[in-house]
């Protein structure tokens, strides 16, 4: 998953938290992700 996110979305760091991080996930748990986008991409974003 990480290579795809890095290539397609320019993610420089990715981690997870919540029930998967604590080992308490169930079949109905979602996956909570925290990512950092590469600075070079952020500089291209324009805020209105």
C-alpha atoms as a PDB file:
ATOM      1  CA  UNK A   1       0.000   0.000   0.000  1.00  0.00           C
ATOM      2  CA  UNK A   2       2.761   2.474   0.907  1.00  0.00           C
ATOM      3  CA  UNK A   3       4.496   2.377  -2.526  1.00  0.00           C
ATOM      4  CA  UNK A   4       1.180   3.171  -4.233  1.00  0.00           C
ATOM      5  CA  UNK A   5       0.432   6.075  -1.873  1.00  0.00           C
ATOM      6  CA  UNK A   6       3.978   7.392  -2.248  1.00  0.00           C
ATOM      7  CA  UNK A   7       3.874   7.315  -6.036  1.00  0.00           C
ATOM      8  CA  UNK A   8       0.301   8.434  -6.733  1.00  0.00           C
ATOM      9  CA  UNK A   9      -0.265  10.873  -3.875  1.00  0.00           C
ATOM     10  CA  UNK A  10       3.293  11.985  -2.987  1.00  0.00           C
ATOM     11  CA  UNK A  11       3.128  10.720   0.589  1.00  0.00           C
ATOM     12  CA  UNK A  12       6.443  11.022   2.433  1.00  0.00           C
ATOM     13  CA  UNK A  13       5.371   9.331   5.676  1.00  0.00           C
ATOM     14  CA  UNK A  14       2.429   7.160   6.659  1.00  0.00           C
ATOM     15  CA  UNK A  15       1.312   5.641   9.928  1.00  0.00           C
ATOM     16  CA  UNK A  16      -1.807   4.196  11.463  1.00  0.00           C
ATOM     17  CA  UNK A  17      -3.631   4.694  14.731  1.00  0.00           C
ATOM     18  CA  UNK A  18      -6.788   3.592  16.479  1.00  0.00           C
ATOM     19  CA  UNK A  19      -7.843   0.002  16.987  1.00  0.00           C
ATOM     20  CA  UNK A  20      -5.288  -1.438  14.527  1.00  0.00           C
ATOM     21  CA  UNK A  21      -2.437   0.321  16.310  1.00  0.00           C
ATOM     22  CA  UNK A  22      -3.497  -1.108  19.660  1.00  0.00           C
ATOM     23  CA  UNK A  23      -4.338  -4.575  18.325  1.00  0.00           C
ATOM     24  CA  UNK A  24      -8.032  -4.217  19.209  1.00  0.00           C
ATOM     25  CA  UNK A  25      -9.450  -4.250  15.676  1.00  0.00           C
ATOM     26  CA  UNK A  26     -12.483  -6.314  14.755  1.00  0.00           C
ATOM     27  CA  UNK A  27     -13.956  -7.417  11.428  1.00  0.00           C
ATOM     28  CA  UNK A  28     -15.955  -4.168  11.330  1.00  0.00           C
ATOM     29  CA  UNK A  29     -13.031  -1.853  12.192  1.00  0.00           C
ATOM     30  CA  UNK A  30     -11.880   0.766   9.738  1.00  0.00           C
ATOM     31  CA  UNK A  31      -8.221   1.646   9.188  1.00  0.00           C
ATOM     32  CA  UNK A  32      -7.217   5.074  10.486  1.00  0.00           C
ATOM     33  CA  UNK A  33      -4.258   6.516   8.565  1.00  0.00           C
ATOM     34  CA  UNK A  34      -2.109   9.567   9.175  1.00  0.00           C
ATOM     35  CA  UNK A  35       0.027  10.766   6.298  1.00  0.00           C
ATOM     36  CA  UNK A  36       2.487  13.509   5.505  1.00  0.00           C
ATOM     37  CA  UNK A  37       2.528  14.945   1.996  1.00  0.00           C
ATOM     38  CA  UNK A  38       5.876  15.869   0.430  1.00  0.00           C
ATOM     39  CA  UNK A  39       6.700  19.566   0.867  1.00  0.00           C
ATOM     40  CA  UNK A  40       7.307  20.013  -2.869  1.00  0.00           C
ATOM     41  CA  UNK A  41       3.664  19.132  -3.558  1.00  0.00           C
ATOM     42  CA  UNK A  42       2.325  21.396  -0.822  1.00  0.00           C
ATOM     43  CA  UNK A  43       4.094  24.368  -2.393  1.00  0.00           C
ATOM     44  CA  UNK A  44       2.101  23.811  -5.583  1.00  0.00           C
ATOM     45  CA  UNK A  45      -1.261  24.048  -3.806  1.00  0.00           C
ATOM     46  CA  UNK A  46      -2.976  27.415  -4.000  1.00  0.00           C
ATOM     47  CA  UNK A  47      -5.374  28.498  -1.308  1.00  0.00           C
ATOM     48  CA  UNK A  48      -8.343  30.674  -2.177  1.00  0.00           C
END
